[in-house]
N, C-alpha and C. Protein backbone atom coordinates (compact mmCIF):
# COMPACT_ATOMS: atom_id res chain seq x y z
N MET A 1 -24.82 0.93 -0.54
CA MET A 1 -23.50 0.56 -0.03
C MET A 1 -22.44 1.22 -0.89
N ASN A 2 -21.50 1.90 -0.21
CA ASN A 2 -20.40 2.49 -0.97
C ASN A 2 -19.20 1.53 -0.95
N LEU A 3 -18.22 1.83 -1.78
CA LEU A 3 -17.09 0.91 -1.92
C LEU A 3 -16.20 0.87 -0.69
N LYS A 4 -16.19 1.93 0.10
CA LYS A 4 -15.43 1.88 1.36
C LYS A 4 -16.02 0.81 2.28
N GLN A 5 -17.34 0.69 2.28
CA GLN A 5 -17.99 -0.34 3.08
C GLN A 5 -17.72 -1.73 2.48
N LEU A 6 -17.84 -1.84 1.17
CA LEU A 6 -17.63 -3.12 0.50
C LEU A 6 -16.22 -3.65 0.73
N PHE A 7 -15.25 -2.78 0.66
CA PHE A 7 -13.86 -3.18 0.85
C PHE A 7 -13.37 -2.86 2.27
N GLY A 8 -14.28 -2.94 3.23
CA GLY A 8 -13.98 -2.62 4.61
C GLY A 8 -12.88 -3.48 5.23
N HIS A 9 -12.69 -4.69 4.70
CA HIS A 9 -11.63 -5.55 5.21
C HIS A 9 -10.25 -4.91 5.04
N TRP A 10 -10.13 -4.02 4.09
CA TRP A 10 -8.86 -3.33 3.86
C TRP A 10 -8.38 -2.63 5.13
N GLU A 11 -9.34 -2.15 5.94
CA GLU A 11 -8.98 -1.48 7.19
C GLU A 11 -8.23 -2.44 8.12
N ILE A 12 -8.66 -3.69 8.17
CA ILE A 12 -7.99 -4.70 9.00
C ILE A 12 -6.62 -5.02 8.42
N VAL A 13 -6.54 -5.12 7.10
CA VAL A 13 -5.26 -5.35 6.44
C VAL A 13 -4.29 -4.22 6.77
N ARG A 14 -4.78 -2.97 6.70
CA ARG A 14 -3.93 -1.83 6.98
C ARG A 14 -3.48 -1.80 8.44
N GLN A 15 -4.38 -2.14 9.35
CA GLN A 15 -4.00 -2.21 10.77
C GLN A 15 -2.87 -3.21 10.97
N GLY A 16 -2.94 -4.34 10.26
CA GLY A 16 -1.88 -5.33 10.33
C GLY A 16 -0.57 -4.81 9.77
N LEU A 17 -0.65 -4.08 8.66
CA LEU A 17 0.55 -3.49 8.08
C LEU A 17 1.20 -2.53 9.06
N VAL A 18 0.41 -1.67 9.66
CA VAL A 18 0.94 -0.70 10.63
C VAL A 18 1.57 -1.44 11.80
N GLU A 19 0.91 -2.48 12.27
CA GLU A 19 1.45 -3.27 13.38
C GLU A 19 2.81 -3.86 13.01
N VAL A 20 2.93 -4.39 11.81
CA VAL A 20 4.20 -4.97 11.37
C VAL A 20 5.27 -3.89 11.27
N VAL A 21 4.95 -2.78 10.64
CA VAL A 21 5.93 -1.70 10.47
C VAL A 21 6.42 -1.21 11.82
N GLU A 22 5.53 -1.10 12.78
CA GLU A 22 5.91 -0.61 14.11
C GLU A 22 6.84 -1.56 14.85
N LYS A 23 6.93 -2.81 14.41
CA LYS A 23 7.81 -3.78 15.06
C LYS A 23 9.26 -3.64 14.60
N PHE A 24 9.48 -2.90 13.53
CA PHE A 24 10.84 -2.67 13.06
C PHE A 24 11.44 -1.50 13.83
N THR A 25 12.75 -1.52 13.97
CA THR A 25 13.45 -0.39 14.57
C THR A 25 13.96 0.50 13.45
N GLU A 26 14.39 1.70 13.80
CA GLU A 26 14.98 2.60 12.80
C GLU A 26 16.17 1.92 12.11
N GLU A 27 16.95 1.17 12.89
CA GLU A 27 18.13 0.50 12.34
C GLU A 27 17.74 -0.61 11.36
N ASP A 28 16.54 -1.15 11.51
CA ASP A 28 16.08 -2.23 10.63
C ASP A 28 15.69 -1.74 9.24
N LEU A 29 15.38 -0.46 9.10
CA LEU A 29 14.79 0.03 7.86
C LEU A 29 15.63 -0.24 6.63
N ASP A 30 16.93 -0.26 6.76
CA ASP A 30 17.78 -0.48 5.59
C ASP A 30 18.32 -1.92 5.51
N LYS A 31 17.82 -2.78 6.38
CA LYS A 31 18.20 -4.19 6.30
C LYS A 31 17.45 -4.86 5.15
N ARG A 32 18.08 -5.90 4.61
CA ARG A 32 17.51 -6.66 3.50
C ARG A 32 17.43 -8.13 3.90
N PRO A 33 16.34 -8.79 3.58
CA PRO A 33 16.25 -10.22 3.89
C PRO A 33 17.35 -11.04 3.21
N PHE A 34 17.77 -10.62 2.03
CA PHE A 34 18.89 -11.23 1.32
C PHE A 34 19.48 -10.14 0.43
N PRO A 35 20.71 -10.28 0.02
CA PRO A 35 21.43 -9.16 -0.63
C PRO A 35 20.72 -8.52 -1.83
N GLU A 36 20.04 -9.29 -2.65
CA GLU A 36 19.41 -8.72 -3.85
C GLU A 36 18.01 -8.18 -3.60
N SER A 37 17.51 -8.32 -2.39
CA SER A 37 16.13 -7.91 -2.12
C SER A 37 16.03 -6.42 -1.81
N TRP A 38 14.80 -5.95 -1.78
CA TRP A 38 14.55 -4.60 -1.31
C TRP A 38 14.75 -4.57 0.19
N SER A 39 15.10 -3.40 0.69
CA SER A 39 15.18 -3.21 2.13
C SER A 39 13.77 -3.09 2.71
N VAL A 40 13.69 -3.17 4.02
CA VAL A 40 12.40 -2.97 4.70
C VAL A 40 11.80 -1.65 4.25
N ARG A 41 12.60 -0.62 4.26
CA ARG A 41 12.16 0.72 3.86
C ARG A 41 11.60 0.71 2.43
N GLU A 42 12.33 0.08 1.52
CA GLU A 42 11.91 0.06 0.11
C GLU A 42 10.62 -0.73 -0.09
N ILE A 43 10.43 -1.78 0.68
CA ILE A 43 9.18 -2.54 0.59
C ILE A 43 8.00 -1.67 1.03
N ILE A 44 8.17 -0.96 2.11
CA ILE A 44 7.08 -0.11 2.61
C ILE A 44 6.80 1.03 1.64
N TYR A 45 7.85 1.66 1.12
CA TYR A 45 7.66 2.70 0.12
C TYR A 45 6.92 2.14 -1.10
N HIS A 46 7.26 0.93 -1.48
CA HIS A 46 6.62 0.29 -2.63
C HIS A 46 5.12 0.08 -2.39
N ILE A 47 4.75 -0.30 -1.17
CA ILE A 47 3.33 -0.44 -0.84
C ILE A 47 2.62 0.90 -1.02
N ALA A 48 3.22 1.96 -0.48
CA ALA A 48 2.62 3.29 -0.58
C ALA A 48 2.55 3.76 -2.03
N ASN A 49 3.62 3.55 -2.77
CA ASN A 49 3.69 3.99 -4.16
C ASN A 49 2.67 3.25 -5.03
N THR A 50 2.48 1.98 -4.76
CA THR A 50 1.52 1.19 -5.53
C THR A 50 0.10 1.67 -5.28
N GLU A 51 -0.24 1.92 -4.02
CA GLU A 51 -1.58 2.44 -3.74
C GLU A 51 -1.78 3.81 -4.38
N ALA A 52 -0.81 4.69 -4.23
CA ALA A 52 -0.93 6.02 -4.83
C ALA A 52 -1.03 5.93 -6.35
N GLY A 53 -0.23 5.07 -6.96
CA GLY A 53 -0.23 4.96 -8.41
C GLY A 53 -1.51 4.37 -8.96
N TRP A 54 -1.89 3.20 -8.45
CA TRP A 54 -3.09 2.54 -8.97
C TRP A 54 -4.37 3.30 -8.63
N ILE A 55 -4.48 3.78 -7.41
CA ILE A 55 -5.73 4.42 -6.99
C ILE A 55 -5.79 5.88 -7.40
N HIS A 56 -4.77 6.65 -7.04
CA HIS A 56 -4.86 8.10 -7.21
C HIS A 56 -4.42 8.58 -8.60
N TYR A 57 -3.64 7.76 -9.29
CA TYR A 57 -3.30 8.10 -10.68
C TYR A 57 -4.19 7.34 -11.65
N ALA A 58 -4.08 6.03 -11.67
CA ALA A 58 -4.77 5.24 -12.69
C ALA A 58 -6.28 5.29 -12.56
N ALA A 59 -6.81 5.00 -11.37
CA ALA A 59 -8.26 4.89 -11.21
C ALA A 59 -8.94 6.23 -11.01
N GLN A 60 -8.41 7.04 -10.13
CA GLN A 60 -9.07 8.29 -9.76
C GLN A 60 -8.70 9.44 -10.69
N GLY A 61 -7.49 9.43 -11.20
CA GLY A 61 -7.05 10.53 -12.05
C GLY A 61 -6.68 11.78 -11.26
N GLU A 62 -6.50 11.64 -9.96
CA GLU A 62 -6.15 12.78 -9.11
C GLU A 62 -4.71 13.25 -9.39
N LEU A 63 -3.84 12.30 -9.68
CA LEU A 63 -2.44 12.61 -10.01
C LEU A 63 -2.28 12.65 -11.52
N THR A 64 -1.35 13.47 -12.00
CA THR A 64 -1.14 13.58 -13.44
C THR A 64 -0.17 12.54 -13.98
N ALA A 65 0.53 11.85 -13.07
CA ALA A 65 1.47 10.79 -13.46
C ALA A 65 1.62 9.84 -12.30
N TRP A 66 2.13 8.65 -12.60
CA TRP A 66 2.45 7.71 -11.53
C TRP A 66 3.45 8.39 -10.62
N PRO A 67 3.26 8.33 -9.31
CA PRO A 67 4.17 9.05 -8.41
C PRO A 67 5.60 8.51 -8.48
N ASP A 68 6.54 9.42 -8.32
CA ASP A 68 7.94 9.00 -8.22
C ASP A 68 8.09 8.14 -6.98
N PRO A 69 9.05 7.23 -6.99
CA PRO A 69 9.27 6.42 -5.78
C PRO A 69 9.59 7.31 -4.57
N TYR A 70 9.09 6.90 -3.43
CA TYR A 70 9.36 7.63 -2.20
C TYR A 70 10.79 7.33 -1.76
N THR A 71 11.40 8.27 -1.04
CA THR A 71 12.81 8.15 -0.68
C THR A 71 13.03 8.39 0.80
N ALA A 72 14.18 7.92 1.25
CA ALA A 72 14.57 8.13 2.65
C ALA A 72 14.81 9.60 2.94
N ALA A 73 15.17 10.37 1.92
CA ALA A 73 15.37 11.81 2.14
C ALA A 73 14.05 12.48 2.55
N ALA A 74 12.96 12.04 1.95
CA ALA A 74 11.65 12.63 2.24
C ALA A 74 10.96 11.97 3.44
N TYR A 75 11.18 10.68 3.62
CA TYR A 75 10.52 9.91 4.68
C TYR A 75 11.56 9.05 5.40
N PRO A 76 12.39 9.67 6.24
CA PRO A 76 13.53 8.95 6.80
C PRO A 76 13.21 8.02 7.98
N HIS A 77 12.17 8.32 8.73
CA HIS A 77 11.92 7.59 9.98
C HIS A 77 10.62 6.81 9.90
N ILE A 78 10.49 5.84 10.77
CA ILE A 78 9.28 5.02 10.80
C ILE A 78 8.04 5.89 10.95
N ALA A 79 8.09 6.88 11.80
CA ALA A 79 6.94 7.78 11.99
C ALA A 79 6.58 8.49 10.68
N ASP A 80 7.59 8.91 9.92
CA ASP A 80 7.36 9.57 8.64
C ASP A 80 6.72 8.62 7.64
N ILE A 81 7.21 7.39 7.64
CA ILE A 81 6.70 6.38 6.71
C ILE A 81 5.26 6.03 7.06
N LEU A 82 4.97 5.88 8.34
CA LEU A 82 3.60 5.60 8.76
C LEU A 82 2.67 6.75 8.40
N ALA A 83 3.15 7.99 8.53
CA ALA A 83 2.34 9.16 8.15
C ALA A 83 2.07 9.15 6.64
N LEU A 84 3.07 8.77 5.85
CA LEU A 84 2.88 8.66 4.40
C LEU A 84 1.81 7.63 4.08
N LEU A 85 1.93 6.44 4.67
CA LEU A 85 0.92 5.39 4.44
C LEU A 85 -0.47 5.88 4.83
N LYS A 86 -0.57 6.57 5.97
CA LYS A 86 -1.87 7.05 6.45
C LYS A 86 -2.45 8.10 5.50
N THR A 87 -1.62 9.03 5.06
CA THR A 87 -2.10 10.09 4.17
C THR A 87 -2.67 9.50 2.88
N ILE A 88 -1.91 8.61 2.27
CA ILE A 88 -2.36 8.01 1.01
C ILE A 88 -3.63 7.20 1.22
N HIS A 89 -3.65 6.41 2.29
CA HIS A 89 -4.80 5.54 2.50
C HIS A 89 -6.05 6.31 2.91
N THR A 90 -5.88 7.37 3.67
CA THR A 90 -7.03 8.20 4.03
C THR A 90 -7.66 8.79 2.76
N GLN A 91 -6.84 9.26 1.85
CA GLN A 91 -7.34 9.78 0.57
C GLN A 91 -8.09 8.69 -0.20
N THR A 92 -7.56 7.47 -0.15
CA THR A 92 -8.22 6.34 -0.81
C THR A 92 -9.58 6.09 -0.20
N GLU A 93 -9.64 6.05 1.13
CA GLU A 93 -10.91 5.79 1.81
C GLU A 93 -11.95 6.86 1.52
N VAL A 94 -11.53 8.12 1.51
CA VAL A 94 -12.45 9.21 1.20
C VAL A 94 -13.03 9.02 -0.21
N TRP A 95 -12.17 8.68 -1.15
CA TRP A 95 -12.60 8.48 -2.54
C TRP A 95 -13.54 7.28 -2.64
N LEU A 96 -13.17 6.16 -2.00
CA LEU A 96 -14.02 4.96 -2.07
C LEU A 96 -15.42 5.23 -1.52
N ALA A 97 -15.51 6.07 -0.50
CA ALA A 97 -16.82 6.39 0.09
C ALA A 97 -17.73 7.15 -0.86
N THR A 98 -17.17 7.71 -1.93
CA THR A 98 -17.99 8.44 -2.91
C THR A 98 -18.50 7.54 -4.02
N LEU A 99 -18.05 6.29 -4.04
CA LEU A 99 -18.39 5.37 -5.13
C LEU A 99 -19.37 4.31 -4.66
N GLY A 100 -20.19 3.84 -5.61
CA GLY A 100 -21.15 2.78 -5.31
C GLY A 100 -20.85 1.52 -6.10
N LEU A 101 -21.66 0.51 -5.88
CA LEU A 101 -21.46 -0.78 -6.54
C LEU A 101 -21.42 -0.65 -8.07
N GLN A 102 -22.19 0.25 -8.60
CA GLN A 102 -22.23 0.43 -10.05
C GLN A 102 -20.88 0.87 -10.62
N ASP A 103 -20.04 1.44 -9.79
CA ASP A 103 -18.73 1.91 -10.25
C ASP A 103 -17.71 0.80 -10.43
N LEU A 104 -17.96 -0.37 -9.85
CA LEU A 104 -16.99 -1.46 -9.91
C LEU A 104 -16.67 -1.89 -11.34
N SER A 105 -17.63 -1.79 -12.22
CA SER A 105 -17.41 -2.24 -13.60
C SER A 105 -16.83 -1.13 -14.48
N ARG A 106 -16.63 0.06 -13.91
CA ARG A 106 -16.05 1.14 -14.70
C ARG A 106 -14.69 0.73 -15.25
N VAL A 107 -14.47 1.01 -16.52
CA VAL A 107 -13.23 0.64 -17.18
C VAL A 107 -12.24 1.80 -17.08
N VAL A 108 -11.02 1.46 -16.71
CA VAL A 108 -9.96 2.45 -16.55
C VAL A 108 -8.87 2.09 -17.55
N SER A 109 -8.46 3.08 -18.32
CA SER A 109 -7.37 2.88 -19.28
C SER A 109 -6.28 3.89 -18.96
N PHE A 110 -5.04 3.41 -18.92
CA PHE A 110 -3.94 4.34 -18.67
C PHE A 110 -2.66 3.75 -19.24
N GLY A 111 -1.61 4.57 -19.21
CA GLY A 111 -0.31 4.10 -19.69
C GLY A 111 -0.35 3.79 -21.17
N ASP A 112 0.07 2.59 -21.52
CA ASP A 112 0.15 2.20 -22.92
C ASP A 112 -1.13 1.55 -23.40
N GLY A 113 -2.27 2.03 -22.91
CA GLY A 113 -3.56 1.53 -23.35
C GLY A 113 -4.05 0.32 -22.59
N GLN A 114 -3.42 0.01 -21.47
CA GLN A 114 -3.91 -1.11 -20.65
C GLN A 114 -5.29 -0.77 -20.11
N ILE A 115 -6.14 -1.77 -20.04
CA ILE A 115 -7.51 -1.56 -19.60
C ILE A 115 -7.80 -2.47 -18.41
N PHE A 116 -8.37 -1.86 -17.36
CA PHE A 116 -8.71 -2.57 -16.14
C PHE A 116 -10.06 -2.09 -15.66
N THR A 117 -10.77 -2.94 -14.91
CA THR A 117 -11.97 -2.46 -14.25
C THR A 117 -11.56 -1.89 -12.89
N LEU A 118 -12.38 -1.02 -12.39
CA LEU A 118 -12.11 -0.45 -11.07
C LEU A 118 -12.06 -1.56 -10.02
N GLN A 119 -12.94 -2.54 -10.16
CA GLN A 119 -12.94 -3.67 -9.23
C GLN A 119 -11.59 -4.37 -9.24
N TRP A 120 -11.02 -4.62 -10.40
CA TRP A 120 -9.72 -5.30 -10.50
C TRP A 120 -8.64 -4.46 -9.81
N ILE A 121 -8.65 -3.17 -10.06
CA ILE A 121 -7.63 -2.29 -9.48
C ILE A 121 -7.68 -2.32 -7.96
N ILE A 122 -8.86 -2.19 -7.40
CA ILE A 122 -8.98 -2.17 -5.93
C ILE A 122 -8.52 -3.49 -5.34
N TRP A 123 -9.00 -4.60 -5.89
CA TRP A 123 -8.57 -5.91 -5.38
C TRP A 123 -7.08 -6.10 -5.55
N HIS A 124 -6.53 -5.65 -6.65
CA HIS A 124 -5.09 -5.78 -6.89
C HIS A 124 -4.29 -5.04 -5.81
N VAL A 125 -4.70 -3.83 -5.48
CA VAL A 125 -3.97 -3.04 -4.48
C VAL A 125 -4.09 -3.67 -3.10
N ILE A 126 -5.26 -4.19 -2.75
CA ILE A 126 -5.42 -4.86 -1.46
C ILE A 126 -4.55 -6.11 -1.42
N GLU A 127 -4.61 -6.92 -2.46
CA GLU A 127 -3.81 -8.15 -2.51
C GLU A 127 -2.32 -7.83 -2.45
N HIS A 128 -1.92 -6.79 -3.12
CA HIS A 128 -0.52 -6.36 -3.12
C HIS A 128 -0.07 -6.01 -1.71
N GLU A 129 -0.90 -5.28 -0.99
CA GLU A 129 -0.57 -4.90 0.39
C GLU A 129 -0.48 -6.14 1.29
N ILE A 130 -1.40 -7.06 1.12
CA ILE A 130 -1.37 -8.29 1.92
C ILE A 130 -0.09 -9.06 1.64
N HIS A 131 0.28 -9.15 0.38
CA HIS A 131 1.50 -9.87 -0.01
C HIS A 131 2.74 -9.28 0.66
N HIS A 132 2.91 -7.98 0.54
CA HIS A 132 4.11 -7.35 1.10
C HIS A 132 4.06 -7.25 2.62
N ARG A 133 2.87 -7.17 3.18
CA ARG A 133 2.74 -7.21 4.64
C ARG A 133 3.25 -8.55 5.15
N GLY A 134 2.90 -9.62 4.45
CA GLY A 134 3.40 -10.94 4.81
C GLY A 134 4.90 -11.05 4.67
N GLU A 135 5.43 -10.45 3.61
CA GLU A 135 6.88 -10.43 3.39
C GLU A 135 7.59 -9.75 4.56
N LEU A 136 7.06 -8.61 4.98
CA LEU A 136 7.65 -7.89 6.12
C LEU A 136 7.54 -8.71 7.40
N SER A 137 6.42 -9.37 7.59
CA SER A 137 6.23 -10.20 8.77
C SER A 137 7.22 -11.36 8.79
N LEU A 138 7.43 -11.98 7.65
CA LEU A 138 8.41 -13.06 7.56
C LEU A 138 9.80 -12.56 7.91
N PHE A 139 10.15 -11.37 7.43
CA PHE A 139 11.46 -10.81 7.72
C PHE A 139 11.62 -10.53 9.22
N LEU A 140 10.55 -10.10 9.87
CA LEU A 140 10.63 -9.93 11.33
C LEU A 140 11.01 -11.26 11.99
N GLY A 141 10.40 -12.34 11.52
CA GLY A 141 10.74 -13.65 12.04
C GLY A 141 12.20 -14.00 11.82
N GLN A 142 12.73 -13.64 10.66
CA GLN A 142 14.14 -13.89 10.38
C GLN A 142 15.04 -13.07 11.31
N LEU A 143 14.53 -11.95 11.77
CA LEU A 143 15.28 -11.11 12.71
C LEU A 143 15.10 -11.59 14.15
N GLY A 144 14.33 -12.65 14.33
CA GLY A 144 14.11 -13.21 15.67
C GLY A 144 13.00 -12.55 16.44
N ARG A 145 12.13 -11.82 15.73
CA ARG A 145 11.01 -11.14 16.39
C ARG A 145 9.70 -11.73 15.91
N GLU A 146 8.68 -11.50 16.69
CA GLU A 146 7.36 -12.02 16.33
C GLU A 146 6.76 -11.19 15.21
N GLY A 147 6.31 -11.88 14.19
CA GLY A 147 5.63 -11.21 13.08
C GLY A 147 4.15 -11.07 13.37
N LEU A 148 3.41 -10.79 12.33
CA LEU A 148 1.96 -10.61 12.45
C LEU A 148 1.30 -11.97 12.68
N ASP A 149 0.36 -12.03 13.58
CA ASP A 149 -0.32 -13.29 13.89
C ASP A 149 -1.81 -13.11 13.63
N VAL A 150 -2.16 -12.83 12.39
CA VAL A 150 -3.56 -12.66 12.02
C VAL A 150 -3.85 -13.48 10.79
């Protein structure tokens, strides 16, 4: 069993995220649930940045540094943002398919000497996505639209 199979539920989580993102309009992207919060756009960029940072920088070592935050200049429209999420996640899935159960205990050290197991990193990124997916769904409800019902 490879890790893509083990963490297969992530595919359902991602489908839910895409469903939620698709319910927003272009005009919604810069709305904020409350004045001090991140905008819809910033929350989605944060989800993408966290996956790229934890998986492709910290765990995989594919990137030489934590990625810079994504911006509206580079990803202005919902279609662009969805393509960004897909690109990052497809790379994650390809990488996970190369790993087996024995890799879960691999220790990863980065930054200021913080140490994590690969298992912790993967679960953290999935949990992070679920958290922010729920946040986006709640905001849809505040806008008077139906959020995710899963």
